[in-house]
Amino acid sequence: MDEVPLLRVVHVAGAVLLLGNVTITGFWAAFLYRARKVIPFRLVARAILWTDLAFTLVGGMMLVISGILLMRARGFALATTPWLQQGSSR
């Protein structure tokens, strides 16, 4: 069975989780800052931090793991791929 389509879906889902979380965190932080006199600041800030940790971690792991598996499925060598070598040399 070809696993590439499933890995692509996981990769895109990881990107959506990661980027969506970064975007929505800015919205919630701005909302919390504006309503800080009405809403319990510590409780909501703590919830934002925990969801950031969870979604960023899960989305990032999905991206990295599915990216490595996609490279292997396509026959790219992980250590000798030019764009990875350039990124790690800077």
PDB file of N, CA and C in Angstrom:
ATOM      1  N   MET A   1       0.838  -1.182   0.000  1.00  0.00           N
ATOM      2  CA  MET A   1       0.000   0.000   0.000  1.00  0.00           C
ATOM      3  C   MET A   1       0.882   1.244   0.000  1.00  0.00           C
ATOM      4  N   ASP A   2       0.489   2.223  -0.788  1.00  0.00           N
ATOM      5  CA  ASP A   2       1.244   3.461  -0.867  1.00  0.00           C
ATOM      6  C   ASP A   2       0.852   4.373   0.289  1.00  0.00           C
ATOM      7  N   GLU A   3       1.811   4.708   1.121  1.00  0.00           N
ATOM      8  CA  GLU A   3       1.535   5.515   2.311  1.00  0.00           C
ATOM      9  C   GLU A   3       1.691   7.012   2.079  1.00  0.00           C
ATOM     10  N   VAL A   4       2.153   7.410   0.893  1.00  0.00           N
ATOM     11  CA  VAL A   4       2.411   8.825   0.624  1.00  0.00           C
ATOM     12  C   VAL A   4       1.155   9.685   0.763  1.00  0.00           C
ATOM     13  N   PRO A   5      -0.013   9.293   0.231  1.00  0.00           N
ATOM     14  CA  PRO A   5      -1.193  10.158   0.423  1.00  0.00           C
ATOM     15  C   PRO A   5      -1.554  10.374   1.899  1.00  0.00           C
ATOM     16  N   LEU A   6      -1.460   9.329   2.704  1.00  0.00           N
ATOM     17  CA  LEU A   6      -1.750   9.471   4.135  1.00  0.00           C
ATOM     18  C   LEU A   6      -0.728  10.382   4.806  1.00  0.00           C
ATOM     19  N   LEU A   7       0.544  10.232   4.461  1.00  0.00           N
ATOM     20  CA  LEU A   7       1.573  11.090   5.039  1.00  0.00           C
ATOM     21  C   LEU A   7       1.373  12.548   4.640  1.00  0.00           C
ATOM     22  N   ARG A   8       0.921  12.774   3.418  1.00  0.00           N
ATOM     23  CA  ARG A   8       0.633  14.148   2.985  1.00  0.00           C
ATOM     24  C   ARG A   8      -0.495  14.758   3.812  1.00  0.00           C
ATOM     25  N   VAL A   9      -1.530  13.976   4.062  1.00  0.00           N
ATOM     26  CA  VAL A   9      -2.650  14.468   4.873  1.00  0.00           C
ATOM     27  C   VAL A   9      -2.169  14.798   6.288  1.00  0.00           C
ATOM     28  N   VAL A  10      -1.356  13.929   6.864  1.00  0.00           N
ATOM     29  CA  VAL A  10      -0.820  14.175   8.206  1.00  0.00           C
ATOM     30  C   VAL A  10       0.066  15.422   8.200  1.00  0.00           C
ATOM     31  N   HIS A  11       0.860  15.592   7.153  1.00  0.00           N
ATOM     32  CA  HIS A  11       1.752  16.743   7.039  1.00  0.00           C
ATOM     33  C   HIS A  11       0.957  18.054   6.953  1.00  0.00           C
ATOM     34  N   VAL A  12      -0.066  18.060   6.122  1.00  0.00           N
ATOM     35  CA  VAL A  12      -0.901  19.260   5.991  1.00  0.00           C
ATOM     36  C   VAL A  12      -1.675  19.519   7.284  1.00  0.00           C
ATOM     37  N   ALA A  13      -2.176  18.474   7.910  1.00  0.00           N
ATOM     38  CA  ALA A  13      -2.889  18.642   9.184  1.00  0.00           C
ATOM     39  C   ALA A  13      -1.958  19.213  10.258  1.00  0.00           C
ATOM     40  N   GLY A  14      -0.717  18.778  10.282  1.00  0.00           N
ATOM     41  CA  GLY A  14       0.259  19.328  11.219  1.00  0.00           C
ATOM     42  C   GLY A  14       0.519  20.801  10.966  1.00  0.00           C
ATOM     43  N   ALA A  15       0.616  21.169   9.695  1.00  0.00           N
ATOM     44  CA  ALA A  15       0.819  22.582   9.354  1.00  0.00           C
ATOM     45  C   ALA A  15      -0.385  23.420   9.758  1.00  0.00           C
ATOM     46  N   VAL A  16      -1.580  22.887   9.547  1.00  0.00           N
ATOM     47  CA  VAL A  16      -2.796  23.612   9.934  1.00  0.00           C
ATOM     48  C   VAL A  16      -2.846  23.790  11.450  1.00  0.00           C
ATOM     49  N   LEU A  17      -2.535  22.745  12.196  1.00  0.00           N
ATOM     50  CA  LEU A  17      -2.519  22.847  13.662  1.00  0.00           C
ATOM     51  C   LEU A  17      -1.498  23.874  14.133  1.00  0.00           C
ATOM     52  N   LEU A  18      -0.308  23.797  13.593  1.00  0.00           N
ATOM     53  CA  LEU A  18       0.765  24.683  14.036  1.00  0.00           C
ATOM     54  C   LEU A  18       0.481  26.137  13.668  1.00  0.00           C
ATOM     55  N   LEU A  19       0.192  26.398  12.413  1.00  0.00           N
ATOM     56  CA  LEU A  19      -0.040  27.774  11.973  1.00  0.00           C
ATOM     57  C   LEU A  19      -1.359  28.325  12.498  1.00  0.00           C
ATOM     58  N   GLY A  20      -2.371  27.484  12.562  1.00  0.00           N
ATOM     59  CA  GLY A  20      -3.649  27.927  13.109  1.00  0.00           C
ATOM     60  C   GLY A  20      -3.537  28.297  14.569  1.00  0.00           C
ATOM     61  N   ASN A  21      -2.774  27.526  15.311  1.00  0.00           N
ATOM     62  CA  ASN A  21      -2.587  27.819  16.727  1.00  0.00           C
ATOM     63  C   ASN A  21      -1.835  29.125  16.922  1.00  0.00           C
ATOM     64  N   VAL A  22      -0.798  29.351  16.135  1.00  0.00           N
ATOM     65  CA  VAL A  22      -0.039  30.596  16.250  1.00  0.00           C
ATOM     66  C   VAL A  22      -0.932  31.792  15.942  1.00  0.00           C
ATOM     67  N   THR A  23      -1.770  31.650  14.920  1.00  0.00           N
ATOM     68  CA  THR A  23      -2.659  32.747  14.529  1.00  0.00           C
ATOM     69  C   THR A  23      -3.717  33.012  15.593  1.00  0.00           C
ATOM     70  N   ILE A  24      -4.369  31.999  16.054  1.00  0.00           N
ATOM     71  CA  ILE A  24      -5.468  32.185  16.998  1.00  0.00           C
ATOM     72  C   ILE A  24      -4.957  32.607  18.367  1.00  0.00           C
ATOM     73  N   THR A  25      -3.725  32.246  18.708  1.00  0.00           N
ATOM     74  CA  THR A  25      -3.162  32.687  19.981  1.00  0.00           C
ATOM     75  C   THR A  25      -3.040  34.204  20.027  1.00  0.00           C
ATOM     76  N   GLY A  26      -2.641  34.795  18.919  1.00  0.00           N
ATOM     77  CA  GLY A  26      -2.582  36.255  18.860  1.00  0.00           C
ATOM     78  C   GLY A  26      -3.946  36.885  19.081  1.00  0.00           C
ATOM     79  N   PHE A  27      -4.958  36.296  18.496  1.00  0.00           N
ATOM     80  CA  PHE A  27      -6.324  36.809  18.676  1.00  0.00           C
ATOM     81  C   PHE A  27      -6.751  36.713  20.139  1.00  0.00           C
ATOM     82  N   TRP A  28      -6.562  35.541  20.740  1.00  0.00           N
ATOM     83  CA  TRP A  28      -6.984  35.357  22.130  1.00  0.00           C
ATOM     84  C   TRP A  28      -6.193  36.242  23.088  1.00  0.00           C
ATOM     85  N   ALA A  29      -4.902  36.396  22.816  1.00  0.00           N
ATOM     86  CA  ALA A  29      -4.088  37.255  23.681  1.00  0.00           C
ATOM     87  C   ALA A  29      -4.553  38.710  23.587  1.00  0.00           C
ATOM     88  N   ALA A  30      -4.861  39.180  22.385  1.00  0.00           N
ATOM     89  CA  ALA A  30      -5.360  40.546  22.222  1.00  0.00           C
ATOM     90  C   ALA A  30      -6.718  40.706  22.908  1.00  0.00           C
ATOM     91  N   PHE A  31      -7.583  39.719  22.760  1.00  0.00           N
ATOM     92  CA  PHE A  31      -8.891  39.758  23.413  1.00  0.00           C
ATOM     93  C   PHE A  31      -8.735  39.779  24.936  1.00  0.00           C
ATOM     94  N   LEU A  32      -7.848  38.942  25.442  1.00  0.00           N
ATOM     95  CA  LEU A  32      -7.625  38.883  26.890  1.00  0.00           C
ATOM     96  C   LEU A  32      -7.059  40.204  27.402  1.00  0.00           C
ATOM     97  N   TYR A  33      -6.150  40.794  26.665  1.00  0.00           N
ATOM     98  CA  TYR A  33      -5.552  42.052  27.093  1.00  0.00           C
ATOM     99  C   TYR A  33      -6.603  43.161  27.165  1.00  0.00           C
ATOM    100  N   ARG A  34      -7.520  43.169  26.202  1.00  0.00           N
ATOM    101  CA  ARG A  34      -8.557  44.207  26.189  1.00  0.00           C
ATOM    102  C   ARG A  34      -9.600  43.994  27.275  1.00  0.00           C
ATOM    103  N   ALA A  35      -9.848  42.752  27.651  1.00  0.00           N
ATOM    104  CA  ALA A  35     -10.898  42.453  28.634  1.00  0.00           C
ATOM    105  C   ALA A  35     -10.310  42.038  29.984  1.00  0.00           C
ATOM    106  N   ARG A  36      -9.102  42.454  30.279  1.00  0.00           N
ATOM    107  CA  ARG A  36      -8.413  41.982  31.483  1.00  0.00           C
ATOM    108  C   ARG A  36      -9.065  42.423  32.787  1.00  0.00           C
ATOM    109  N   LYS A  37      -9.889  43.457  32.745  1.00  0.00           N
ATOM    110  CA  LYS A  37     -10.557  43.906  33.969  1.00  0.00           C
ATOM    111  C   LYS A  37     -11.809  43.080  34.272  1.00  0.00           C
ATOM    112  N   VAL A  38     -12.343  42.405  33.264  1.00  0.00           N
ATOM    113  CA  VAL A  38     -13.580  41.634  33.415  1.00  0.00           C
ATOM    114  C   VAL A  38     -13.304  40.135  33.543  1.00  0.00           C
ATOM    115  N   ILE A  39     -12.310  39.656  32.819  1.00  0.00           N
ATOM    116  CA  ILE A  39     -12.006  38.223  32.754  1.00  0.00           C
ATOM    117  C   ILE A  39     -10.838  37.923  33.693  1.00  0.00           C
ATOM    118  N   PRO A  40     -10.874  36.796  34.412  1.00  0.00           N
ATOM    119  CA  PRO A  40      -9.745  36.435  35.279  1.00  0.00           C
ATOM    120  C   PRO A  40      -8.489  36.170  34.441  1.00  0.00           C
ATOM    121  N   PHE A  41      -7.558  37.089  34.488  1.00  0.00           N
ATOM    122  CA  PHE A  41      -6.389  37.081  33.611  1.00  0.00           C
ATOM    123  C   PHE A  41      -5.548  35.819  33.754  1.00  0.00           C
ATOM    124  N   ARG A  42      -5.194  35.461  34.988  1.00  0.00           N
ATOM    125  CA  ARG A  42      -4.302  34.309  35.200  1.00  0.00           C
ATOM    126  C   ARG A  42      -4.883  33.008  34.664  1.00  0.00           C
ATOM    127  N   LEU A  43      -6.144  32.774  34.936  1.00  0.00           N
ATOM    128  CA  LEU A  43      -6.792  31.536  34.517  1.00  0.00           C
ATOM    129  C   LEU A  43      -6.803  31.405  32.998  1.00  0.00           C
ATOM    130  N   VAL A  44      -7.184  32.463  32.320  1.00  0.00           N
ATOM    131  CA  VAL A  44      -7.268  32.420  30.856  1.00  0.00           C
ATOM    132  C   VAL A  44      -5.869  32.377  30.240  1.00  0.00           C
ATOM    133  N   ALA A  45      -4.928  33.139  30.790  1.00  0.00           N
ATOM    134  CA  ALA A  45      -3.559  33.114  30.269  1.00  0.00           C
ATOM    135  C   ALA A  45      -2.954  31.718  30.415  1.00  0.00           C
ATOM    136  N   ARG A  46      -3.228  31.060  31.528  1.00  0.00           N
ATOM    137  CA  ARG A  46      -2.728  29.700  31.731  1.00  0.00           C
ATOM    138  C   ARG A  46      -3.345  28.737  30.716  1.00  0.00           C
ATOM    139  N   ALA A  47      -4.632  28.883  30.448  1.00  0.00           N
ATOM    140  CA  ALA A  47      -5.293  28.026  29.449  1.00  0.00           C
ATOM    141  C   ALA A  47      -4.703  28.250  28.063  1.00  0.00           C
ATOM    142  N   ILE A  48      -4.428  29.510  27.731  1.00  0.00           N
ATOM    143  CA  ILE A  48      -3.817  29.815  26.432  1.00  0.00           C
ATOM    144  C   ILE A  48      -2.436  29.156  26.338  1.00  0.00           C
ATOM    145  N   LEU A  49      -1.647  29.242  27.391  1.00  0.00           N
ATOM    146  CA  LEU A  49      -0.315  28.639  27.376  1.00  0.00           C
ATOM    147  C   LEU A  49      -0.372  27.123  27.224  1.00  0.00           C
ATOM    148  N   TRP A  50      -1.304  26.472  27.921  1.00  0.00           N
ATOM    149  CA  TRP A  50      -1.414  25.011  27.809  1.00  0.00           C
ATOM    150  C   TRP A  50      -1.862  24.577  26.417  1.00  0.00           C
ATOM    151  N   THR A  51      -2.814  25.294  25.847  1.00  0.00           N
ATOM    152  CA  THR A  51      -3.238  24.931  24.490  1.00  0.00           C
ATOM    153  C   THR A  51      -2.133  25.225  23.485  1.00  0.00           C
ATOM    154  N   ASP A  52      -1.381  26.304  23.711  1.00  0.00           N
ATOM    155  CA  ASP A  52      -0.224  26.572  22.857  1.00  0.00           C
ATOM    156  C   ASP A  52       0.761  25.422  22.901  1.00  0.00           C
ATOM    157  N   LEU A  53       1.066  24.995  24.086  1.00  0.00           N
ATOM    158  CA  LEU A  53       2.016  23.897  24.244  1.00  0.00           C
ATOM    159  C   LEU A  53       1.514  22.640  23.541  1.00  0.00           C
ATOM    160  N   ALA A  54       0.260  22.296  23.779  1.00  0.00           N
ATOM    161  CA  ALA A  54      -0.286  21.058  23.215  1.00  0.00           C
ATOM    162  C   ALA A  54      -0.365  21.113  21.694  1.00  0.00           C
ATOM    163  N   PHE A  55      -1.000  22.145  21.148  1.00  0.00           N
ATOM    164  CA  PHE A  55      -1.196  22.190  19.700  1.00  0.00           C
ATOM    165  C   PHE A  55       0.100  22.459  18.946  1.00  0.00           C
ATOM    166  N   THR A  56       0.963  23.307  19.490  1.00  0.00           N
ATOM    167  CA  THR A  56       2.235  23.568  18.828  1.00  0.00           C
ATOM    168  C   THR A  56       3.103  22.326  18.842  1.00  0.00           C
ATOM    169  N   LEU A  57       3.148  21.644  19.956  1.00  0.00           N
ATOM    170  CA  LEU A  57       3.943  20.429  20.063  1.00  0.00           C
ATOM    171  C   LEU A  57       3.405  19.340  19.132  1.00  0.00           C
ATOM    172  N   VAL A  58       2.108  19.111  19.162  1.00  0.00           N
ATOM    173  CA  VAL A  58       1.517  18.069  18.315  1.00  0.00           C
ATOM    174  C   VAL A  58       1.677  18.425  16.830  1.00  0.00           C
ATOM    175  N   GLY A  59       1.368  19.667  16.472  1.00  0.00           N
ATOM    176  CA  GLY A  59       1.508  20.086  15.073  1.00  0.00           C
ATOM    177  C   GLY A  59       2.943  20.008  14.592  1.00  0.00           C
ATOM    178  N   GLY A  60       3.879  20.448  15.434  1.00  0.00           N
ATOM    179  CA  GLY A  60       5.289  20.370  15.062  1.00  0.00           C
ATOM    180  C   GLY A  60       5.783  18.948  14.908  1.00  0.00           C
ATOM    181  N   MET A  61       5.363  18.086  15.825  1.00  0.00           N
ATOM    182  CA  MET A  61       5.758  16.680  15.711  1.00  0.00           C
ATOM    183  C   MET A  61       5.178  16.036  14.459  1.00  0.00           C
ATOM    184  N   MET A  62       3.923  16.365  14.157  1.00  0.00           N
ATOM    185  CA  MET A  62       3.308  15.820  12.944  1.00  0.00           C
ATOM    186  C   MET A  62       4.082  16.276  11.703  1.00  0.00           C
ATOM    187  N   LEU A  63       4.486  17.543  11.675  1.00  0.00           N
ATOM    188  CA  LEU A  63       5.242  18.058  10.534  1.00  0.00           C
ATOM    189  C   LEU A  63       6.591  17.372  10.385  1.00  0.00           C
ATOM    190  N   VAL A  64       7.327  17.283  11.464  1.00  0.00           N
ATOM    191  CA  VAL A  64       8.678  16.720  11.399  1.00  0.00           C
ATOM    192  C   VAL A  64       8.633  15.233  11.051  1.00  0.00           C
ATOM    193  N   ILE A  65       7.812  14.479  11.765  1.00  0.00           N
ATOM    194  CA  ILE A  65       7.781  13.029  11.537  1.00  0.00           C
ATOM    195  C   ILE A  65       7.251  12.696  10.147  1.00  0.00           C
ATOM    196  N   SER A  66       6.142  13.320   9.754  1.00  0.00           N
ATOM    197  CA  SER A  66       5.606  13.024   8.420  1.00  0.00           C
ATOM    198  C   SER A  66       6.544  13.530   7.331  1.00  0.00           C
ATOM    199  N   GLY A  67       7.239  14.648   7.573  1.00  0.00           N
ATOM    200  CA  GLY A  67       8.204  15.148   6.586  1.00  0.00           C
ATOM    201  C   GLY A  67       9.354  14.188   6.374  1.00  0.00           C
ATOM    202  N   ILE A  68       9.883  13.655   7.463  1.00  0.00           N
ATOM    203  CA  ILE A  68      10.973  12.679   7.346  1.00  0.00           C
ATOM    204  C   ILE A  68      10.484  11.413   6.652  1.00  0.00           C
ATOM    205  N   LEU A  69       9.305  10.936   7.017  1.00  0.00           N
ATOM    206  CA  LEU A  69       8.768   9.722   6.380  1.00  0.00           C
ATOM    207  C   LEU A  69       8.452   9.952   4.912  1.00  0.00           C
ATOM    208  N   LEU A  70       7.972  11.143   4.562  1.00  0.00           N
ATOM    209  CA  LEU A  70       7.735  11.464   3.148  1.00  0.00           C
ATOM    210  C   LEU A  70       9.042  11.481   2.359  1.00  0.00           C
ATOM    211  N   MET A  71      10.085  12.043   2.951  1.00  0.00           N
ATOM    212  CA  MET A  71      11.391  12.045   2.268  1.00  0.00           C
ATOM    213  C   MET A  71      11.879  10.617   2.029  1.00  0.00           C
ATOM    214  N   ARG A  72      11.752   9.790   3.046  1.00  0.00           N
ATOM    215  CA  ARG A  72      12.196   8.399   2.902  1.00  0.00           C
ATOM    216  C   ARG A  72      11.352   7.660   1.862  1.00  0.00           C
ATOM    217  N   ALA A  73      10.042   7.915   1.844  1.00  0.00           N
ATOM    218  CA  ALA A  73       9.165   7.242   0.885  1.00  0.00           C
ATOM    219  C   ALA A  73       9.473   7.662  -0.552  1.00  0.00           C
ATOM    220  N   ARG A  74       9.924   8.880  -0.733  1.00  0.00           N
ATOM    221  CA  ARG A  74      10.270   9.381  -2.063  1.00  0.00           C
ATOM    222  C   ARG A  74      11.707   9.082  -2.470  1.00  0.00           C
ATOM    223  N   GLY A  75      12.485   8.523  -1.552  1.00  0.00           N
ATOM    224  CA  GLY A  75      13.844   8.115  -1.883  1.00  0.00           C
ATOM    225  C   GLY A  75      14.900   9.182  -1.666  1.00  0.00           C
ATOM    226  N   PHE A  76      14.568  10.258  -0.979  1.00  0.00           N
ATOM    227  CA  PHE A  76      15.571  11.276  -0.684  1.00  0.00           C
ATOM    228  C   PHE A  76      16.425  10.812   0.493  1.00  0.00           C
ATOM    229  N   ALA A  77      17.702  11.116   0.423  1.00  0.00           N
ATOM    230  CA  ALA A  77      18.585  10.826   1.547  1.00  0.00           C
ATOM    231  C   ALA A  77      18.498  11.996   2.527  1.00  0.00           C
ATOM    232  N   LEU A  78      18.193  11.694   3.750  1.00  0.00           N
ATOM    233  CA  LEU A  78      17.965  12.744   4.744  1.00  0.00           C
ATOM    234  C   LEU A  78      19.218  13.579   5.000  1.00  0.00           C
ATOM    235  N   ALA A  79      20.370  12.947   5.079  1.00  0.00           N
ATOM    236  CA  ALA A  79      21.600  13.665   5.432  1.00  0.00           C
ATOM    237  C   ALA A  79      22.214  14.433   4.263  1.00  0.00           C
ATOM    238  N   THR A  80      21.900  14.054   3.038  1.00  0.00           N
ATOM    239  CA  THR A  80      22.560  14.684   1.883  1.00  0.00           C
ATOM    240  C   THR A  80      21.614  15.517   1.034  1.00  0.00           C
ATOM    241  N   THR A  81      20.452  15.829   1.531  1.00  0.00           N
ATOM    242  CA  THR A  81      19.511  16.657   0.783  1.00  0.00           C
ATOM    243  C   THR A  81      19.975  18.111   0.850  1.00  0.00           C
ATOM    244  N   PRO A  82      20.138  18.763  -0.310  1.00  0.00           N
ATOM    245  CA  PRO A  82      20.735  20.111  -0.331  1.00  0.00           C
ATOM    246  C   PRO A  82      19.994  21.139   0.525  1.00  0.00           C
ATOM    247  N   TRP A  83      18.662  21.163   0.499  1.00  0.00           N
ATOM    248  CA  TRP A  83      17.962  22.209   1.248  1.00  0.00           C
ATOM    249  C   TRP A  83      18.072  22.006   2.758  1.00  0.00           C
ATOM    250  N   LEU A  84      18.268  20.768   3.193  1.00  0.00           N
ATOM    251  CA  LEU A  84      18.479  20.526   4.624  1.00  0.00           C
ATOM    252  C   LEU A  84      19.915  20.870   5.028  1.00  0.00           C
ATOM    253  N   GLN A  85      20.874  20.601   4.155  1.00  0.00           N
ATOM    254  CA  GLN A  85      22.250  20.959   4.452  1.00  0.00           C
ATOM    255  C   GLN A  85      22.425  22.474   4.526  1.00  0.00           C
ATOM    256  N   GLN A  86      21.779  23.193   3.626  1.00  0.00           N
ATOM    257  CA  GLN A  86      21.868  24.655   3.643  1.00  0.00           C
ATOM    258  C   GLN A  86      21.219  25.229   4.892  1.00  0.00           C
ATOM    259  N   GLY A  87      20.099  24.664   5.301  1.00  0.00           N
ATOM    260  CA  GLY A  87      19.418  25.157   6.486  1.00  0.00           C
ATOM    261  C   GLY A  87      20.190  24.910   7.767  1.00  0.00           C
ATOM    262  N   SER A  88      20.910  23.812   7.827  1.00  0.00           N
ATOM    263  CA  SER A  88      21.644  23.513   9.059  1.00  0.00           C
ATOM    264  C   SER A  88      23.020  24.160   9.090  1.00  0.00           C
ATOM    265  N   SER A  89      23.513  24.663   7.971  1.00  0.00           N
ATOM    266  CA  SER A  89      24.848  25.260   7.960  1.00  0.00           C
ATOM    267  C   SER A  89      24.823  26.734   8.312  1.00  0.00           C
ATOM    268  N   ARG A  90      23.647  27.327   8.419  1.00  0.00           N
ATOM    269  CA  ARG A  90      23.565  28.763   8.716  1.00  0.00           C
ATOM    270  C   ARG A  90      23.368  29.015  10.162  1.00  0.00           C
TER     271      ARG A  90
END
